Amino acid sequence: MLRLRIQFYRDRVIVLKLIDLHCDTISCCMKEKDKYGLFRNDFNVDIEKLKKANSSAQFFAMFVDLEKTKDPLEACLLMADKFHQELEINKNYIKLAKNYEDIISNEKEDKISAFLTIEEGGVLQGSIGNLKRFYEMGVRLITLTWNYPNDLGFPNANIKDWKQGLTSFGKEVVQEMNSLGMLVDVSHLSDEGFYQVADISGRPFVASHSNARAVTHNYRNLTDDMIKLLAEKGGVMGINFEKTFLGNRQFSAVEDMVTHIKHIFNVGGAEVLAMGSDFDGINQELEIRDIGEIDKLINVLIKEGFTEGQLEKFLYKNALRVIKDVL
């Protein structure tokens, strides 16, 4: 049985699930492939920690740094192999999910659902065929860019690129992802690219790990206008635990997370909030040291007056809705 996370809410006990839209744990496991696996490791996310958090589903990103990788496609394929190997090794606890029905089925088997994603659209190497290839491997979300321009478009890493958007191939990829039933992820994408995705995509899209720019003026965060538009389109944004996206402290603070959550709630409503920790891809000065300590955030949100229904939406129901709508 999955370990249940218990919270006291207005003198009664509630049980909350969790869906996290982004972690880089598979990339970390590639550093010493024979040493690190998914069941127990030294990282922010492993199966034991996910069980402690009562995780319903975890999205595992295959992150590729274009400037440090000779063959991005091959690097991503190797990570996909590692991911599937780990699922086989740990099949009693975790299982691949490709859609809403898989999550429900896996829960009945008391197993955590694992979604496979790509963080760097450049791994497609300009080929729709490669997109379909990854789809067949189980990939269900692609973060279109990381911090460098690629065949799909421009990132938000440099202010000079903010007004440059998708390439013609990038627009084709968005349309094909819609057709296949894959989540388009605009975290890291330029401002212009965000608005182009909003215009082109016929399905809800996500910012899997981004915060509010009005709270912390960082290129990786969304403006209020973006948050409103994302909500209107039925999408969600995952709260990112990276300290530089949260505020000016020397560590990733729960108080700053709550400030962003409250702002996003006020701007876009309860339906747009989700979790996107970015664990194992961020600085390690963390008040919440791993996914198993998510209670630290929930308890503060309860004290701040968030209702049980609002917490459920933020932690898993909004993400589950988008999964059901798109995949």
Protein backbone atom coordinates (compact mmCIF):
# COMPACT_ATOMS: atom_id res chain seq x y z
CA MET A 1 0.00 0.00 0.00
CA LEU A 2 1.12 3.53 -0.68
CA ARG A 3 1.91 5.38 2.50
CA LEU A 4 -0.79 7.98 3.10
CA ARG A 5 0.10 11.53 4.00
CA ILE A 6 -2.17 12.64 6.83
CA GLN A 7 -2.97 16.27 7.51
CA PHE A 8 -5.08 17.76 10.29
CA TYR A 9 -7.55 20.23 8.85
CA ARG A 10 -10.02 22.02 11.10
CA ASP A 11 -9.85 19.26 13.73
CA ARG A 12 -10.25 16.40 11.28
CA VAL A 13 -7.95 14.19 9.24
CA ILE A 14 -7.63 14.56 5.47
CA VAL A 15 -5.62 12.50 3.00
CA LEU A 16 -3.99 14.26 0.05
CA LYS A 17 -2.43 12.88 -3.12
CA LEU A 18 0.34 14.49 -5.16
CA ILE A 19 1.19 14.88 -8.84
CA ASP A 20 4.49 16.64 -9.58
CA LEU A 21 4.96 17.81 -13.16
CA HIS A 22 8.76 18.04 -13.26
CA CYS A 23 11.88 16.50 -11.79
CA ASP A 24 15.33 15.79 -13.28
CA THR A 25 16.01 12.59 -11.36
CA ILE A 26 16.55 10.36 -14.40
CA SER A 27 19.27 12.75 -15.63
CA CYS A 28 20.94 12.48 -12.21
CA CYS A 29 20.75 8.69 -12.29
CA MET A 30 22.76 8.75 -15.54
CA LYS A 31 25.84 10.18 -13.81
CA GLU A 32 26.79 6.80 -12.33
CA LYS A 33 24.33 4.43 -13.92
CA ASP A 34 25.38 1.40 -11.89
CA LYS A 35 25.26 3.29 -8.60
CA TYR A 36 22.04 5.29 -8.71
CA GLY A 37 18.54 3.96 -9.22
CA LEU A 38 14.96 4.99 -8.55
CA PHE A 39 14.14 3.00 -5.43
CA ARG A 40 16.56 4.70 -3.05
CA ASN A 41 19.18 7.34 -3.89
CA ASP A 42 20.87 10.51 -2.62
CA PHE A 43 18.69 12.78 -4.75
CA ASN A 44 15.49 14.73 -4.06
CA VAL A 45 13.24 12.09 -5.61
CA ASP A 46 13.14 8.32 -5.27
CA ILE A 47 10.41 5.74 -4.78
CA GLU A 48 10.71 5.73 -1.00
CA LYS A 49 10.32 9.51 -0.90
CA LEU A 50 7.43 9.42 -3.38
CA LYS A 51 5.64 6.87 -1.20
CA LYS A 52 6.14 9.09 1.83
CA ALA A 53 4.56 11.97 -0.13
CA ASN A 54 1.60 9.79 -1.20
CA SER A 55 2.49 10.57 -4.82
CA SER A 56 -0.06 9.52 -7.37
CA ALA A 57 2.21 10.42 -10.30
CA GLN A 58 5.64 11.84 -10.96
CA PHE A 59 6.75 13.34 -14.28
CA PHE A 60 10.37 12.38 -15.02
CA ALA A 61 12.20 14.71 -17.40
CA MET A 62 14.98 13.61 -19.72
CA PHE A 63 17.09 16.77 -19.64
CA VAL A 64 19.69 17.38 -22.35
CA ASP A 65 22.15 20.30 -22.39
CA LEU A 66 22.71 21.03 -26.08
CA GLU A 67 26.03 22.79 -25.51
CA LYS A 68 27.49 19.87 -23.56
CA THR A 69 26.09 16.99 -25.61
CA LYS A 70 27.60 15.77 -28.87
CA ASP A 71 24.52 13.78 -29.91
CA PRO A 72 21.37 15.06 -28.13
CA LEU A 73 19.12 12.42 -29.68
CA GLU A 74 21.37 9.56 -28.60
CA ALA A 75 21.72 11.03 -25.09
CA CYS A 76 17.94 11.18 -24.74
CA LEU A 77 17.50 7.63 -26.02
CA LEU A 78 20.00 6.38 -23.42
CA MET A 79 18.02 8.13 -20.69
CA ALA A 80 14.82 6.55 -21.97
CA ASP A 81 16.52 3.14 -21.70
CA LYS A 82 17.56 3.91 -18.11
CA PHE A 83 14.04 5.05 -17.23
CA HIS A 84 12.42 1.87 -18.55
CA GLN A 85 15.08 -0.31 -16.90
CA GLU A 86 14.34 1.31 -13.54
CA LEU A 87 10.61 0.79 -13.99
CA GLU A 88 11.21 -2.89 -14.65
CA ILE A 89 13.50 -3.24 -11.63
CA ASN A 90 10.93 -1.50 -9.42
CA LYS A 91 7.76 -2.84 -11.05
CA ASN A 92 6.22 -3.69 -7.69
CA TYR A 93 6.11 0.01 -6.77
CA ILE A 94 6.00 2.15 -9.90
CA LYS A 95 4.62 1.78 -13.41
CA LEU A 96 4.62 3.74 -16.68
CA ALA A 97 1.59 5.93 -17.30
CA LYS A 98 0.61 7.41 -20.66
CA ASN A 99 -2.84 8.79 -19.85
CA TYR A 100 -5.57 9.26 -17.25
CA GLU A 101 -6.76 5.66 -17.44
CA ASP A 102 -3.25 4.42 -16.63
CA ILE A 103 -3.13 6.52 -13.46
CA ILE A 104 -6.43 5.07 -12.27
CA SER A 105 -5.32 1.54 -13.12
CA ASN A 106 -1.96 1.98 -11.39
CA GLU A 107 -3.62 3.36 -8.26
CA LYS A 108 -5.78 0.24 -8.07
CA GLU A 109 -2.53 -1.75 -8.06
CA ASP A 110 -1.10 0.54 -5.35
CA LYS A 111 1.59 1.72 -7.75
CA ILE A 112 2.97 5.19 -8.43
CA SER A 113 2.51 6.38 -12.02
CA ALA A 114 5.64 7.48 -13.88
CA PHE A 115 5.29 9.84 -16.85
CA LEU A 116 8.24 10.20 -19.22
CA THR A 117 9.00 13.69 -20.56
CA ILE A 118 11.69 15.55 -22.51
CA GLU A 119 13.26 18.83 -21.41
CA GLU A 120 14.83 20.17 -24.62
CA GLY A 121 12.98 19.99 -27.92
CA GLY A 122 16.30 20.10 -29.74
CA VAL A 123 16.61 16.34 -29.24
CA LEU A 124 14.07 15.94 -32.06
CA GLN A 125 16.77 17.21 -34.45
CA GLY A 126 14.19 18.78 -36.74
CA SER A 127 12.31 15.53 -37.35
CA ILE A 128 8.60 14.87 -36.80
CA GLY A 129 9.57 11.22 -37.18
CA ASN A 130 11.64 11.48 -33.99
CA LEU A 131 8.67 13.08 -32.22
CA LYS A 132 6.53 10.06 -33.13
CA ARG A 133 9.38 7.76 -32.11
CA PHE A 134 9.49 9.26 -28.65
CA TYR A 135 5.71 9.08 -28.41
CA GLU A 136 5.89 5.34 -29.07
CA MET A 137 8.47 5.08 -26.22
CA GLY A 138 5.95 6.62 -23.85
CA VAL A 139 6.94 10.30 -23.86
CA ARG A 140 3.87 12.41 -23.11
CA LEU A 141 5.27 15.92 -22.47
CA ILE A 142 7.97 17.98 -24.15
CA THR A 143 9.47 21.21 -22.80
CA LEU A 144 9.99 22.91 -26.16
CA THR A 145 13.24 24.69 -25.26
CA TRP A 146 15.76 24.82 -22.46
CA ASN A 147 18.20 27.75 -22.27
CA TYR A 148 19.42 27.78 -25.87
CA PRO A 149 17.72 28.45 -29.20
CA ASN A 150 16.88 25.22 -31.01
CA ASP A 151 14.99 23.95 -34.06
CA LEU A 152 11.66 24.69 -32.35
CA GLY A 153 12.18 28.22 -31.09
CA PHE A 154 13.84 30.59 -28.66
CA PRO A 155 14.19 30.39 -24.87
CA ASN A 156 13.58 33.01 -22.21
CA ALA A 157 17.16 32.76 -20.90
CA ASN A 158 18.24 35.98 -22.65
CA ILE A 159 16.14 39.13 -22.80
CA LYS A 160 17.18 39.58 -26.45
CA ASP A 161 15.26 36.40 -27.31
CA TRP A 162 12.03 37.25 -25.49
CA LYS A 163 10.45 38.70 -28.62
CA GLN A 164 11.50 35.78 -30.81
CA GLY A 165 9.13 32.85 -30.83
CA LEU A 166 8.61 29.51 -32.51
CA THR A 167 10.18 28.44 -35.77
CA SER A 168 8.02 26.97 -38.53
CA PHE A 169 9.14 23.53 -37.32
CA GLY A 170 8.23 24.48 -33.75
CA LYS A 171 4.71 25.37 -34.85
CA GLU A 172 4.47 22.05 -36.68
CA VAL A 173 5.59 20.22 -33.53
CA VAL A 174 2.93 21.92 -31.40
CA GLN A 175 0.24 20.92 -33.89
CA GLU A 176 1.52 17.34 -34.11
CA MET A 177 1.70 17.07 -30.31
CA ASN A 178 -1.93 18.17 -30.20
CA SER A 179 -2.77 15.47 -32.73
CA LEU A 180 -0.88 12.73 -30.90
CA GLY A 181 -2.12 13.75 -27.46
CA MET A 182 1.03 15.11 -25.84
CA LEU A 183 1.41 17.99 -23.38
CA VAL A 184 3.12 21.09 -24.76
CA ASP A 185 5.30 22.64 -22.04
CA VAL A 186 6.19 26.35 -22.26
CA SER A 187 8.52 26.56 -19.24
CA HIS A 188 11.83 27.97 -20.56
CA LEU A 189 10.13 29.24 -23.74
CA SER A 190 10.42 32.90 -24.76
CA ASP A 191 7.54 35.30 -24.07
CA GLU A 192 6.68 35.47 -27.77
CA GLY A 193 6.82 31.68 -27.98
CA PHE A 194 4.38 31.42 -25.07
CA TYR A 195 1.82 33.55 -26.88
CA GLN A 196 2.30 31.64 -30.12
CA VAL A 197 1.66 28.33 -28.35
CA ALA A 198 -1.47 29.84 -26.77
CA ASP A 199 -2.65 30.85 -30.24
CA ILE A 200 -1.73 27.63 -32.04
CA SER A 201 -2.55 24.90 -29.54
CA GLY A 202 -6.05 23.54 -29.70
CA ARG A 203 -5.54 21.71 -26.41
CA PRO A 204 -4.60 22.92 -22.91
CA PHE A 205 -0.85 23.41 -22.45
CA VAL A 206 1.32 23.68 -19.35
CA ALA A 207 4.20 25.59 -17.79
CA SER A 208 5.45 22.57 -15.89
CA HIS A 209 7.90 24.39 -13.60
CA SER A 210 7.47 28.17 -13.55
CA ASN A 211 6.49 30.79 -10.95
CA ALA A 212 5.08 34.36 -11.00
CA ARG A 213 7.19 37.14 -12.51
CA ALA A 214 5.24 39.84 -10.66
CA VAL A 215 6.50 38.36 -7.39
CA THR A 216 10.06 37.57 -8.52
CA HIS A 217 11.24 39.26 -11.69
CA ASN A 218 13.06 36.32 -13.23
CA TYR A 219 12.94 35.42 -16.93
CA ARG A 220 11.78 31.90 -16.03
CA ASN A 221 8.57 33.11 -14.40
CA LEU A 222 5.25 33.98 -16.06
CA THR A 223 3.72 37.44 -16.20
CA ASP A 224 0.22 37.99 -14.84
CA ASP A 225 -1.08 38.23 -18.40
CA MET A 226 0.44 34.84 -19.18
CA ILE A 227 -1.04 33.31 -16.03
CA LYS A 228 -4.51 34.58 -16.96
CA LEU A 229 -4.19 33.30 -20.53
CA LEU A 230 -2.88 29.92 -19.39
CA ALA A 231 -5.88 29.61 -17.05
CA GLU A 232 -8.28 30.63 -19.83
CA LYS A 233 -6.83 27.90 -22.04
CA GLY A 234 -7.40 25.28 -19.34
CA GLY A 235 -3.71 24.79 -18.60
CA VAL A 236 -1.72 24.68 -15.38
CA MET A 237 1.60 25.93 -14.03
CA GLY A 238 3.76 23.93 -11.63
CA ILE A 239 5.30 25.78 -8.68
CA ASN A 240 9.10 25.61 -9.01
CA PHE A 241 11.27 25.18 -5.89
CA GLU A 242 14.40 26.85 -7.35
CA LYS A 243 15.44 29.61 -4.93
CA THR A 244 16.26 32.18 -7.65
CA PHE A 245 12.76 31.82 -9.12
CA LEU A 246 11.17 32.20 -5.69
CA GLY A 247 12.85 35.26 -4.19
CA ASN A 248 16.09 36.74 -2.92
CA ARG A 249 16.93 34.40 -0.05
CA GLN A 250 19.98 32.17 0.09
CA PHE A 251 17.71 29.13 0.22
CA SER A 252 14.44 27.87 -1.23
CA ALA A 253 11.92 28.99 1.38
CA VAL A 254 8.40 27.70 1.99
CA GLU A 255 7.31 31.26 2.78
CA ASP A 256 8.31 32.36 -0.72
CA MET A 257 6.50 29.41 -2.29
CA VAL A 258 3.34 30.41 -0.47
CA THR A 259 3.70 34.02 -1.70
CA HIS A 260 3.85 32.82 -5.31
CA ILE A 261 0.97 30.38 -4.82
CA LYS A 262 -1.26 33.07 -3.32
CA HIS A 263 -0.42 35.52 -6.13
CA ILE A 264 -1.09 32.95 -8.86
CA PHE A 265 -4.33 31.97 -7.12
CA ASN A 266 -5.46 35.61 -7.05
CA VAL A 267 -4.51 36.23 -10.69
CA GLY A 268 -5.49 32.98 -12.41
CA GLY A 269 -7.73 31.19 -9.94
CA ALA A 270 -7.51 27.86 -8.17
CA GLU A 271 -7.72 25.88 -11.42
CA VAL A 272 -4.30 26.97 -12.77
CA LEU A 273 -2.15 25.93 -9.80
CA ALA A 274 -0.09 22.73 -9.84
CA MET A 275 3.17 21.28 -8.53
CA GLY A 276 6.38 21.36 -10.59
CA SER A 277 9.17 21.10 -8.05
CA ASP A 278 12.11 20.88 -10.49
CA PHE A 279 13.73 18.62 -7.90
CA ASP A 280 17.16 17.24 -8.85
CA GLY A 281 17.54 20.08 -11.34
CA ILE A 282 17.88 22.98 -8.90
CA ASN A 283 20.19 24.40 -6.24
CA GLN A 284 20.20 22.25 -3.12
CA GLU A 285 19.77 25.00 -0.51
CA LEU A 286 16.27 23.74 0.29
CA GLU A 287 13.87 24.10 3.20
CA ILE A 288 11.94 21.20 1.64
CA ARG A 289 14.84 18.82 1.13
CA ASP A 290 13.02 16.22 -0.95
CA ILE A 291 9.60 15.23 -2.29
CA GLY A 292 8.88 13.33 0.93
CA GLU A 293 8.85 16.59 2.90
CA ILE A 294 6.04 18.23 0.92
CA ASP A 295 4.05 18.37 4.18
CA LYS A 296 6.09 21.45 5.11
CA LEU A 297 4.39 23.39 2.31
CA ILE A 298 0.92 21.93 2.83
CA ASN A 299 0.86 22.73 6.53
CA VAL A 300 1.67 26.40 5.89
CA LEU A 301 -1.00 26.60 3.17
CA ILE A 302 -3.55 25.23 5.66
CA LYS A 303 -2.53 27.91 8.18
CA GLU A 304 -2.91 30.51 5.41
CA GLY A 305 -6.54 29.52 4.97
CA PHE A 306 -6.49 27.33 1.87
CA THR A 307 -9.46 24.97 1.87
CA GLU A 308 -9.28 21.22 1.45
CA GLY A 309 -10.73 21.56 -2.06
CA GLN A 310 -8.19 24.20 -3.06
CA LEU A 311 -5.33 22.08 -1.74
CA GLU A 312 -6.57 19.06 -3.69
CA LYS A 313 -6.68 21.09 -6.90
CA PHE A 314 -3.18 22.45 -6.38
CA LEU A 315 -1.58 19.16 -5.38
CA TYR A 316 -3.11 16.83 -7.95
CA LYS A 317 -6.61 17.45 -9.30
CA ASN A 318 -5.69 20.26 -11.71
CA ALA A 319 -2.81 18.23 -13.16
CA LEU A 320 -5.08 15.19 -13.37
CA ARG A 321 -7.70 17.23 -15.24
CA VAL A 322 -5.16 18.35 -17.85
CA ILE A 323 -3.84 14.81 -18.22
CA LYS A 324 -7.39 13.61 -18.86
CA ASP A 325 -8.10 16.43 -21.32
CA VAL A 326 -4.94 16.10 -23.39
CA LEU A 327 -3.40 12.63 -23.21
